[in-house]
Protein backbone atom coordinates (compact mmCIF):
# COMPACT_ATOMS: atom_id res chain seq x y z
CA UNK A 1 -7.05 9.76 28.16
CA UNK A 2 -5.80 7.63 25.21
CA UNK A 3 -2.44 8.35 23.67
CA UNK A 4 -2.54 9.98 20.24
CA UNK A 5 -2.49 7.46 17.33
CA UNK A 6 0.54 7.51 15.05
CA UNK A 7 -0.02 8.62 11.51
CA UNK A 8 0.49 5.13 10.14
CA UNK A 9 -2.51 3.85 12.11
CA UNK A 10 -4.49 7.05 11.90
CA UNK A 11 -4.48 7.00 8.10
CA UNK A 12 -4.98 3.15 7.98
CA UNK A 13 -1.54 2.63 6.55
CA UNK A 14 0.30 -0.67 7.00
CA UNK A 15 3.77 -1.86 7.74
CA UNK A 16 5.74 -3.20 4.73
CA UNK A 17 5.86 -6.99 4.47
CA UNK A 18 9.45 -7.40 3.44
CA UNK A 19 12.80 -7.78 4.97
CA UNK A 20 14.18 -4.92 6.88
CA UNK A 21 10.85 -3.76 8.51
CA UNK A 22 13.06 -1.76 10.95
CA UNK A 23 12.98 -1.22 14.56
CA UNK A 24 11.05 2.16 14.13
CA UNK A 25 8.04 0.15 12.76
CA UNK A 26 8.24 -2.71 15.28
CA UNK A 27 5.71 -1.15 17.59
CA UNK A 28 3.01 -1.28 14.90
CA UNK A 29 3.57 -4.85 13.72
CA UNK A 30 1.18 -6.53 16.18
CA UNK A 31 -1.65 -4.14 15.42
CA UNK A 32 -1.12 -4.44 11.67
CA UNK A 33 -0.80 -8.29 11.64
CA UNK A 34 -3.58 -9.08 14.18
CA UNK A 35 -3.09 -11.05 17.38
CA UNK A 36 -3.52 -14.40 15.78
CA UNK A 37 -0.89 -13.89 13.06
CA UNK A 38 1.49 -12.22 15.43
CA UNK A 39 1.13 -15.09 17.93
CA UNK A 40 1.83 -17.51 15.09
CA UNK A 41 5.01 -15.67 14.04
CA UNK A 42 6.23 -15.61 17.73
CA UNK A 43 5.66 -19.37 17.93
CA UNK A 44 7.58 -19.99 14.73
CA UNK A 45 10.46 -17.84 16.04
CA UNK A 46 10.50 -19.73 19.34
CA UNK A 47 10.51 -23.22 17.48
CA UNK A 48 13.28 -22.24 15.12
CA UNK A 49 15.35 -20.19 17.52
CA UNK A 50 14.50 -21.38 21.13
CA UNK A 51 17.44 -19.48 22.59
CA UNK A 52 16.78 -16.26 20.69
CA UNK A 53 20.25 -16.11 19.25
CA UNK A 54 19.19 -14.85 15.81
CA UNK A 55 18.48 -11.06 15.85
CA UNK A 56 17.42 -10.96 19.58
CA UNK A 57 14.72 -8.28 20.10
CA UNK A 58 14.59 -7.09 16.51
CA UNK A 59 10.97 -8.02 15.85
CA UNK A 60 9.79 -9.94 18.85
CA UNK A 61 10.61 -9.48 22.57
CA UNK A 62 10.52 -12.99 23.63
């Protein structure tokens, strides 16, 4: 049995692309951006903040 889809996804909505996306929307970011874009954003985060000192866990769980 698959879990119910949240309204954002069910109605083909999207996560805002602006600062302050919020922790509540974090779980939808990968699906919205796609695997390639999400992986790219993670690699940029790792390159610029290798010790994850800047907002740890806010967007990416590295």
